[in-house]
Amino acid sequence: WIQLAKQSPFASFQEAANTLERWKEPILSYFLCPYTNARIEGTNHKIKNIKRRAYGYRNLERFRLRVFLECTGNTTGSQAA
């Protein structure tokens, strides 16, 4: 498919083929070890949004509790629910 796409008159097919060829190793590695950092990236994004909405917390403990509430659903700070 990659060779056919590279010979295509459409630039988007050629670009897709080149991208797949460049990223071949990481793509195949994912199927051998299907772990990503997506969950932690999502948590970091949530925390950044909390900070953005709050315009800065004056009390660090309140910020910490808000993060626990939105990320885990509880305000105790423990992971067990």
PDB file of N, CA and C in Angstrom:
ATOM      1  N   TRP A   1       0.821  -1.180   0.000  1.00  0.00           N
ATOM      2  CA  TRP A   1       0.000   0.000   0.000  1.00  0.00           C
ATOM      3  C   TRP A   1       0.870   1.251   0.000  1.00  0.00           C
ATOM      4  N   ILE A   2       1.940   1.230   0.772  1.00  0.00           N
ATOM      5  CA  ILE A   2       2.808   2.409   0.860  1.00  0.00           C
ATOM      6  C   ILE A   2       3.418   2.733  -0.498  1.00  0.00           C
ATOM      7  N   GLN A   3       3.867   1.712  -1.201  1.00  0.00           N
ATOM      8  CA  GLN A   3       4.465   1.969  -2.518  1.00  0.00           C
ATOM      9  C   GLN A   3       3.432   2.518  -3.498  1.00  0.00           C
ATOM     10  N   LEU A   4       2.217   1.974  -3.454  1.00  0.00           N
ATOM     11  CA  LEU A   4       1.156   2.489  -4.332  1.00  0.00           C
ATOM     12  C   LEU A   4       0.805   3.931  -3.974  1.00  0.00           C
ATOM     13  N   ALA A   5       0.742   4.219  -2.700  1.00  0.00           N
ATOM     14  CA  ALA A   5       0.404   5.576  -2.265  1.00  0.00           C
ATOM     15  C   ALA A   5       1.487   6.569  -2.663  1.00  0.00           C
ATOM     16  N   LYS A   6       2.745   6.142  -2.614  1.00  0.00           N
ATOM     17  CA  LYS A   6       3.841   7.030  -3.017  1.00  0.00           C
ATOM     18  C   LYS A   6       3.778   7.367  -4.504  1.00  0.00           C
ATOM     19  N   GLN A   7       3.242   6.461  -5.307  1.00  0.00           N
ATOM     20  CA  GLN A   7       3.132   6.689  -6.751  1.00  0.00           C
ATOM     21  C   GLN A   7       1.835   7.392  -7.129  1.00  0.00           C
ATOM     22  N   SER A   8       0.992   7.634  -6.168  1.00  0.00           N
ATOM     23  CA  SER A   8      -0.291   8.282  -6.417  1.00  0.00           C
ATOM     24  C   SER A   8      -0.089   9.730  -6.860  1.00  0.00           C
ATOM     25  N   PRO A   9      -0.987  10.232  -7.703  1.00  0.00           N
ATOM     26  CA  PRO A   9      -0.896  11.643  -8.102  1.00  0.00           C
ATOM     27  C   PRO A   9      -1.371  12.594  -6.996  1.00  0.00           C
ATOM     28  N   PHE A  10      -1.942  12.045  -5.943  1.00  0.00           N
ATOM     29  CA  PHE A  10      -2.466  12.875  -4.860  1.00  0.00           C
ATOM     30  C   PHE A  10      -1.406  13.085  -3.777  1.00  0.00           C
ATOM     31  N   ALA A  11      -1.141  14.331  -3.473  1.00  0.00           N
ATOM     32  CA  ALA A  11      -0.110  14.668  -2.487  1.00  0.00           C
ATOM     33  C   ALA A  11      -0.458  14.138  -1.102  1.00  0.00           C
ATOM     34  N   SER A  12      -1.738  14.106  -0.771  1.00  0.00           N
ATOM     35  CA  SER A  12      -2.126  13.634   0.562  1.00  0.00           C
ATOM     36  C   SER A  12      -1.802  12.148   0.744  1.00  0.00           C
ATOM     37  N   PHE A  13      -1.957  11.343  -0.300  1.00  0.00           N
ATOM     38  CA  PHE A  13      -1.592   9.927  -0.212  1.00  0.00           C
ATOM     39  C   PHE A  13      -0.082   9.775  -0.055  1.00  0.00           C
ATOM     40  N   GLN A  14       0.661  10.564  -0.812  1.00  0.00           N
ATOM     41  CA  GLN A  14       2.119  10.507  -0.724  1.00  0.00           C
ATOM     42  C   GLN A  14       2.586  10.898   0.675  1.00  0.00           C
ATOM     43  N   GLU A  15       1.976  11.936   1.213  1.00  0.00           N
ATOM     44  CA  GLU A  15       2.333  12.392   2.558  1.00  0.00           C
ATOM     45  C   GLU A  15       1.998  11.335   3.610  1.00  0.00           C
ATOM     46  N   ALA A  16       0.840  10.705   3.477  1.00  0.00           N
ATOM     47  CA  ALA A  16       0.449   9.655   4.423  1.00  0.00           C
ATOM     48  C   ALA A  16       1.415   8.474   4.352  1.00  0.00           C
ATOM     49  N   ALA A  17       1.810   8.096   3.147  1.00  0.00           N
ATOM     50  CA  ALA A  17       2.748   6.987   2.973  1.00  0.00           C
ATOM     51  C   ALA A  17       4.094   7.314   3.600  1.00  0.00           C
ATOM     52  N   ASN A  18       4.570   8.523   3.385  1.00  0.00           N
ATOM     53  CA  ASN A  18       5.851   8.929   3.976  1.00  0.00           C
ATOM     54  C   ASN A  18       5.774   8.953   5.500  1.00  0.00           C
ATOM     55  N   THR A  19       4.658   9.423   6.033  1.00  0.00           N
ATOM     56  CA  THR A  19       4.482   9.463   7.485  1.00  0.00           C
ATOM     57  C   THR A  19       4.490   8.053   8.063  1.00  0.00           C
ATOM     58  N   LEU A  20       3.750   7.144   7.435  1.00  0.00           N
ATOM     59  CA  LEU A  20       3.730   5.756   7.914  1.00  0.00           C
ATOM     60  C   LEU A  20       5.116   5.125   7.849  1.00  0.00           C
ATOM     61  N   GLU A  21       5.844   5.425   6.800  1.00  0.00           N
ATOM     62  CA  GLU A  21       7.186   4.872   6.658  1.00  0.00           C
ATOM     63  C   GLU A  21       8.120   5.410   7.753  1.00  0.00           C
ATOM     64  N   ARG A  22       8.017   6.711   8.041  1.00  0.00           N
ATOM     65  CA  ARG A  22       8.855   7.319   9.080  1.00  0.00           C
ATOM     66  C   ARG A  22       8.521   6.784  10.467  1.00  0.00           C
ATOM     67  N   TRP A  23       7.253   6.534  10.731  1.00  0.00           N
ATOM     68  CA  TRP A  23       6.804   6.116  12.060  1.00  0.00           C
ATOM     69  C   TRP A  23       6.571   4.602  12.165  1.00  0.00           C
ATOM     70  N   LYS A  24       7.092   3.846  11.233  1.00  0.00           N
ATOM     71  CA  LYS A  24       6.852   2.399  11.194  1.00  0.00           C
ATOM     72  C   LYS A  24       7.266   1.707  12.496  1.00  0.00           C
ATOM     73  N   GLU A  25       8.481   1.968  12.967  1.00  0.00           N
ATOM     74  CA  GLU A  25       8.978   1.312  14.185  1.00  0.00           C
ATOM     75  C   GLU A  25       8.110   1.625  15.410  1.00  0.00           C
ATOM     76  N   PRO A  26       7.827   2.906  15.708  1.00  0.00           N
ATOM     77  CA  PRO A  26       6.981   3.174  16.880  1.00  0.00           C
ATOM     78  C   PRO A  26       5.574   2.590  16.755  1.00  0.00           C
ATOM     79  N   ILE A  27       5.023   2.587  15.553  1.00  0.00           N
ATOM     80  CA  ILE A  27       3.676   2.033  15.360  1.00  0.00           C
ATOM     81  C   ILE A  27       3.681   0.538  15.653  1.00  0.00           C
ATOM     82  N   LEU A  28       4.646  -0.172  15.113  1.00  0.00           N
ATOM     83  CA  LEU A  28       4.726  -1.615  15.346  1.00  0.00           C
ATOM     84  C   LEU A  28       5.068  -1.926  16.805  1.00  0.00           C
ATOM     85  N   SER A  29       5.881  -1.090  17.426  1.00  0.00           N
ATOM     86  CA  SER A  29       6.232  -1.292  18.838  1.00  0.00           C
ATOM     87  C   SER A  29       5.006  -1.205  19.729  1.00  0.00           C
ATOM     88  N   TYR A  30       4.071  -0.346  19.381  1.00  0.00           N
ATOM     89  CA  TYR A  30       2.858  -0.205  20.191  1.00  0.00           C
ATOM     90  C   TYR A  30       2.113  -1.537  20.282  1.00  0.00           C
ATOM     91  N   PHE A  31       2.083  -2.304  19.205  1.00  0.00           N
ATOM     92  CA  PHE A  31       1.355  -3.569  19.221  1.00  0.00           C
ATOM     93  C   PHE A  31       2.079  -4.631  20.043  1.00  0.00           C
ATOM     94  N   LEU A  32       3.386  -4.482  20.218  1.00  0.00           N
ATOM     95  CA  LEU A  32       4.133  -5.405  21.072  1.00  0.00           C
ATOM     96  C   LEU A  32       4.005  -5.020  22.542  1.00  0.00           C
ATOM     97  N   CYS A  33       3.941  -3.735  22.815  1.00  0.00           N
ATOM     98  CA  CYS A  33       3.843  -3.224  24.189  1.00  0.00           C
ATOM     99  C   CYS A  33       2.838  -2.072  24.184  1.00  0.00           C
ATOM    100  N   PRO A  34       1.540  -2.373  24.343  1.00  0.00           N
ATOM    101  CA  PRO A  34       0.492  -1.362  24.133  1.00  0.00           C
ATOM    102  C   PRO A  34       0.262  -0.411  25.303  1.00  0.00           C
ATOM    103  N   TYR A  35       1.333   0.162  25.825  1.00  0.00           N
ATOM    104  CA  TYR A  35       1.192   1.107  26.923  1.00  0.00           C
ATOM    105  C   TYR A  35       1.541   2.506  26.433  1.00  0.00           C
ATOM    106  N   THR A  36       0.764   3.475  26.868  1.00  0.00           N
ATOM    107  CA  THR A  36       1.042   4.863  26.515  1.00  0.00           C
ATOM    108  C   THR A  36       0.967   5.716  27.773  1.00  0.00           C
ATOM    109  N   ASN A  37       1.319   6.962  27.639  1.00  0.00           N
ATOM    110  CA  ASN A  37       1.227   7.884  28.765  1.00  0.00           C
ATOM    111  C   ASN A  37      -0.024   8.751  28.649  1.00  0.00           C
ATOM    112  N   ALA A  38      -1.009   8.305  27.916  1.00  0.00           N
ATOM    113  CA  ALA A  38      -2.219   9.089  27.669  1.00  0.00           C
ATOM    114  C   ALA A  38      -2.970   9.410  28.956  1.00  0.00           C
ATOM    115  N   ARG A  39      -3.053   8.474  29.869  1.00  0.00           N
ATOM    116  CA  ARG A  39      -3.799   8.718  31.110  1.00  0.00           C
ATOM    117  C   ARG A  39      -3.153   9.830  31.930  1.00  0.00           C
ATOM    118  N   ILE A  40      -1.830   9.790  32.070  1.00  0.00           N
ATOM    119  CA  ILE A  40      -1.158  10.825  32.860  1.00  0.00           C
ATOM    120  C   ILE A  40      -1.224  12.170  32.144  1.00  0.00           C
ATOM    121  N   GLU A  41      -1.161  12.159  30.810  1.00  0.00           N
ATOM    122  CA  GLU A  41      -1.303  13.408  30.055  1.00  0.00           C
ATOM    123  C   GLU A  41      -2.693  13.999  30.264  1.00  0.00           C
ATOM    124  N   GLY A  42      -3.703  13.154  30.316  1.00  0.00           N
ATOM    125  CA  GLY A  42      -5.061  13.620  30.569  1.00  0.00           C
ATOM    126  C   GLY A  42      -5.202  14.226  31.955  1.00  0.00           C
ATOM    127  N   THR A  43      -4.562  13.598  32.944  1.00  0.00           N
ATOM    128  CA  THR A  43      -4.593  14.132  34.307  1.00  0.00           C
ATOM    129  C   THR A  43      -3.889  15.482  34.368  1.00  0.00           C
ATOM    130  N   ASN A  44      -2.745  15.594  33.708  1.00  0.00           N
ATOM    131  CA  ASN A  44      -2.038  16.880  33.675  1.00  0.00           C
ATOM    132  C   ASN A  44      -2.904  17.957  33.033  1.00  0.00           C
ATOM    133  N   HIS A  45      -3.623  17.598  31.993  1.00  0.00           N
ATOM    134  CA  HIS A  45      -4.506  18.556  31.319  1.00  0.00           C
ATOM    135  C   HIS A  45      -5.623  19.018  32.258  1.00  0.00           C
ATOM    136  N   LYS A  46      -6.188  18.080  33.019  1.00  0.00           N
ATOM    137  CA  LYS A  46      -7.229  18.442  33.993  1.00  0.00           C
ATOM    138  C   LYS A  46      -6.694  19.438  35.016  1.00  0.00           C
ATOM    139  N   ILE A  47      -5.494  19.176  35.522  1.00  0.00           N
ATOM    140  CA  ILE A  47      -4.899  20.056  36.530  1.00  0.00           C
ATOM    141  C   ILE A  47      -4.658  21.450  35.954  1.00  0.00           C
ATOM    142  N   LYS A  48      -4.161  21.510  34.729  1.00  0.00           N
ATOM    143  CA  LYS A  48      -3.941  22.817  34.094  1.00  0.00           C
ATOM    144  C   LYS A  48      -5.250  23.565  33.910  1.00  0.00           C
ATOM    145  N   ASN A  49      -6.309  22.849  33.562  1.00  0.00           N
ATOM    146  CA  ASN A  49      -7.612  23.505  33.405  1.00  0.00           C
ATOM    147  C   ASN A  49      -8.147  24.012  34.738  1.00  0.00           C
ATOM    148  N   ILE A  50      -7.922  23.270  35.812  1.00  0.00           N
ATOM    149  CA  ILE A  50      -8.345  23.721  37.142  1.00  0.00           C
ATOM    150  C   ILE A  50      -7.631  25.029  37.480  1.00  0.00           C
ATOM    151  N   LYS A  51      -6.319  25.072  37.241  1.00  0.00           N
ATOM    152  CA  LYS A  51      -5.557  26.291  37.519  1.00  0.00           C
ATOM    153  C   LYS A  51      -6.057  27.452  36.666  1.00  0.00           C
ATOM    154  N   ARG A  52      -6.347  27.181  35.417  1.00  0.00           N
ATOM    155  CA  ARG A  52      -6.804  28.226  34.496  1.00  0.00           C
ATOM    156  C   ARG A  52      -8.156  28.790  34.935  1.00  0.00           C
ATOM    157  N   ARG A  53      -9.061  27.921  35.334  1.00  0.00           N
ATOM    158  CA  ARG A  53     -10.393  28.369  35.761  1.00  0.00           C
ATOM    159  C   ARG A  53     -10.352  29.150  37.062  1.00  0.00           C
ATOM    160  N   ALA A  54      -9.393  28.836  37.911  1.00  0.00           N
ATOM    161  CA  ALA A  54      -9.377  29.416  39.256  1.00  0.00           C
ATOM    162  C   ALA A  54      -8.706  30.784  39.315  1.00  0.00           C
ATOM    163  N   TYR A  55      -7.983  31.163  38.280  1.00  0.00           N
ATOM    164  CA  TYR A  55      -7.209  32.411  38.307  1.00  0.00           C
ATOM    165  C   TYR A  55      -6.256  32.437  39.495  1.00  0.00           C
ATOM    166  N   GLY A  56      -5.738  31.282  39.854  1.00  0.00           N
ATOM    167  CA  GLY A  56      -4.773  31.192  40.948  1.00  0.00           C
ATOM    168  C   GLY A  56      -5.438  30.995  42.296  1.00  0.00           C
ATOM    169  N   TYR A  57      -5.075  29.924  42.964  1.00  0.00           N
ATOM    170  CA  TYR A  57      -5.590  29.679  44.312  1.00  0.00           C
ATOM    171  C   TYR A  57      -4.671  30.371  45.311  1.00  0.00           C
ATOM    172  N   ARG A  58      -5.250  31.036  46.284  1.00  0.00           N
ATOM    173  CA  ARG A  58      -4.444  31.650  47.340  1.00  0.00           C
ATOM    174  C   ARG A  58      -4.057  30.608  48.375  1.00  0.00           C
ATOM    175  N   ASN A  59      -4.840  29.558  48.464  1.00  0.00           N
ATOM    176  CA  ASN A  59      -4.607  28.521  49.459  1.00  0.00           C
ATOM    177  C   ASN A  59      -4.249  27.225  48.725  1.00  0.00           C
ATOM    178  N   LEU A  60      -3.020  26.763  48.906  1.00  0.00           N
ATOM    179  CA  LEU A  60      -2.550  25.559  48.221  1.00  0.00           C
ATOM    180  C   LEU A  60      -3.382  24.332  48.594  1.00  0.00           C
ATOM    181  N   GLU A  61      -3.831  24.260  49.833  1.00  0.00           N
ATOM    182  CA  GLU A  61      -4.639  23.116  50.268  1.00  0.00           C
ATOM    183  C   GLU A  61      -5.957  23.054  49.506  1.00  0.00           C
ATOM    184  N   ARG A  62      -6.581  24.193  49.246  1.00  0.00           N
ATOM    185  CA  ARG A  62      -7.839  24.208  48.480  1.00  0.00           C
ATOM    186  C   ARG A  62      -7.603  23.761  47.036  1.00  0.00           C
ATOM    187  N   PHE A  63      -6.485  24.185  46.464  1.00  0.00           N
ATOM    188  CA  PHE A  63      -6.129  23.748  45.105  1.00  0.00           C
ATOM    189  C   PHE A  63      -5.937  22.233  45.087  1.00  0.00           C
ATOM    190  N   ARG A  64      -5.214  21.726  46.081  1.00  0.00           N
ATOM    191  CA  ARG A  64      -4.974  20.283  46.190  1.00  0.00           C
ATOM    192  C   ARG A  64      -6.291  19.519  46.297  1.00  0.00           C
ATOM    193  N   LEU A  65      -7.211  20.010  47.118  1.00  0.00           N
ATOM    194  CA  LEU A  65      -8.507  19.351  47.274  1.00  0.00           C
ATOM    195  C   LEU A  65      -9.309  19.389  45.975  1.00  0.00           C
ATOM    196  N   ARG A  66      -9.249  20.499  45.247  1.00  0.00           N
ATOM    197  CA  ARG A  66      -9.966  20.602  43.968  1.00  0.00           C
ATOM    198  C   ARG A  66      -9.407  19.592  42.969  1.00  0.00           C
ATOM    199  N   VAL A  67      -8.086  19.435  42.938  1.00  0.00           N
ATOM    200  CA  VAL A  67      -7.467  18.454  42.036  1.00  0.00           C
ATOM    201  C   VAL A  67      -7.933  17.051  42.401  1.00  0.00           C
ATOM    202  N   PHE A  68      -7.900  16.702  43.687  1.00  0.00           N
ATOM    203  CA  PHE A  68      -8.363  15.374  44.101  1.00  0.00           C
ATOM    204  C   PHE A  68      -9.833  15.165  43.763  1.00  0.00           C
ATOM    205  N   LEU A  69     -10.640  16.171  43.977  1.00  0.00           N
ATOM    206  CA  LEU A  69     -12.069  16.052  43.701  1.00  0.00           C
ATOM    207  C   LEU A  69     -12.326  15.796  42.221  1.00  0.00           C
ATOM    208  N   GLU A  70     -11.690  16.560  41.356  1.00  0.00           N
ATOM    209  CA  GLU A  70     -11.960  16.424  39.926  1.00  0.00           C
ATOM    210  C   GLU A  70     -11.265  15.226  39.292  1.00  0.00           C
ATOM    211  N   CYS A  71     -10.136  14.809  39.849  1.00  0.00           N
ATOM    212  CA  CYS A  71      -9.401  13.692  39.248  1.00  0.00           C
ATOM    213  C   CYS A  71      -9.775  12.332  39.826  1.00  0.00           C
ATOM    214  N   THR A  72     -10.226  12.300  41.090  1.00  0.00           N
ATOM    215  CA  THR A  72     -10.536  11.005  41.705  1.00  0.00           C
ATOM    216  C   THR A  72     -11.966  10.909  42.202  1.00  0.00           C
ATOM    217  N   GLY A  73     -12.642  12.038  42.347  1.00  0.00           N
ATOM    218  CA  GLY A  73     -14.010  12.009  42.828  1.00  0.00           C
ATOM    219  C   GLY A  73     -14.136  12.113  44.332  1.00  0.00           C
ATOM    220  N   ASN A  74     -12.998  12.210  45.047  1.00  0.00           N
ATOM    221  CA  ASN A  74     -13.084  12.402  46.500  1.00  0.00           C
ATOM    222  C   ASN A  74     -12.126  13.502  46.928  1.00  0.00           C
ATOM    223  N   THR A  75     -12.281  13.976  48.142  1.00  0.00           N
ATOM    224  CA  THR A  75     -11.431  15.064  48.628  1.00  0.00           C
ATOM    225  C   THR A  75     -10.540  14.637  49.777  1.00  0.00           C
ATOM    226  N   THR A  76     -10.429  13.334  50.017  1.00  0.00           N
ATOM    227  CA  THR A  76      -9.616  12.880  51.145  1.00  0.00           C
ATOM    228  C   THR A  76      -8.137  12.847  50.807  1.00  0.00           C
ATOM    229  N   GLY A  77      -7.820  12.826  49.519  1.00  0.00           N
ATOM    230  CA  GLY A  77      -6.419  12.757  49.124  1.00  0.00           C
ATOM    231  C   GLY A  77      -5.919  11.341  48.966  1.00  0.00           C
ATOM    232  N   SER A  78      -6.740  10.356  49.323  1.00  0.00           N
ATOM    233  CA  SER A  78      -6.327   8.963  49.160  1.00  0.00           C
ATOM    234  C   SER A  78      -6.859   8.432  47.836  1.00  0.00           C
ATOM    235  N   GLN A  79      -6.198   7.426  47.309  1.00  0.00           N
ATOM    236  CA  GLN A  79      -6.611   6.841  46.038  1.00  0.00           C
ATOM    237  C   GLN A  79      -7.753   5.855  46.207  1.00  0.00           C
ATOM    238  N   ALA A  80      -7.910   5.287  47.388  1.00  0.00           N
ATOM    239  CA  ALA A  80      -8.974   4.309  47.616  1.00  0.00           C
ATOM    240  C   ALA A  80     -10.315   5.026  47.697  1.00  0.00           C
ATOM    241  N   ALA A  81     -11.278   4.527  46.948  1.00  0.00           N
ATOM    242  CA  ALA A  81     -12.606   5.159  46.957  1.00  0.00           C
ATOM    243  C   ALA A  81     -13.623   4.240  47.585  1.00  0.00           C
TER     244      ALA A  81
END
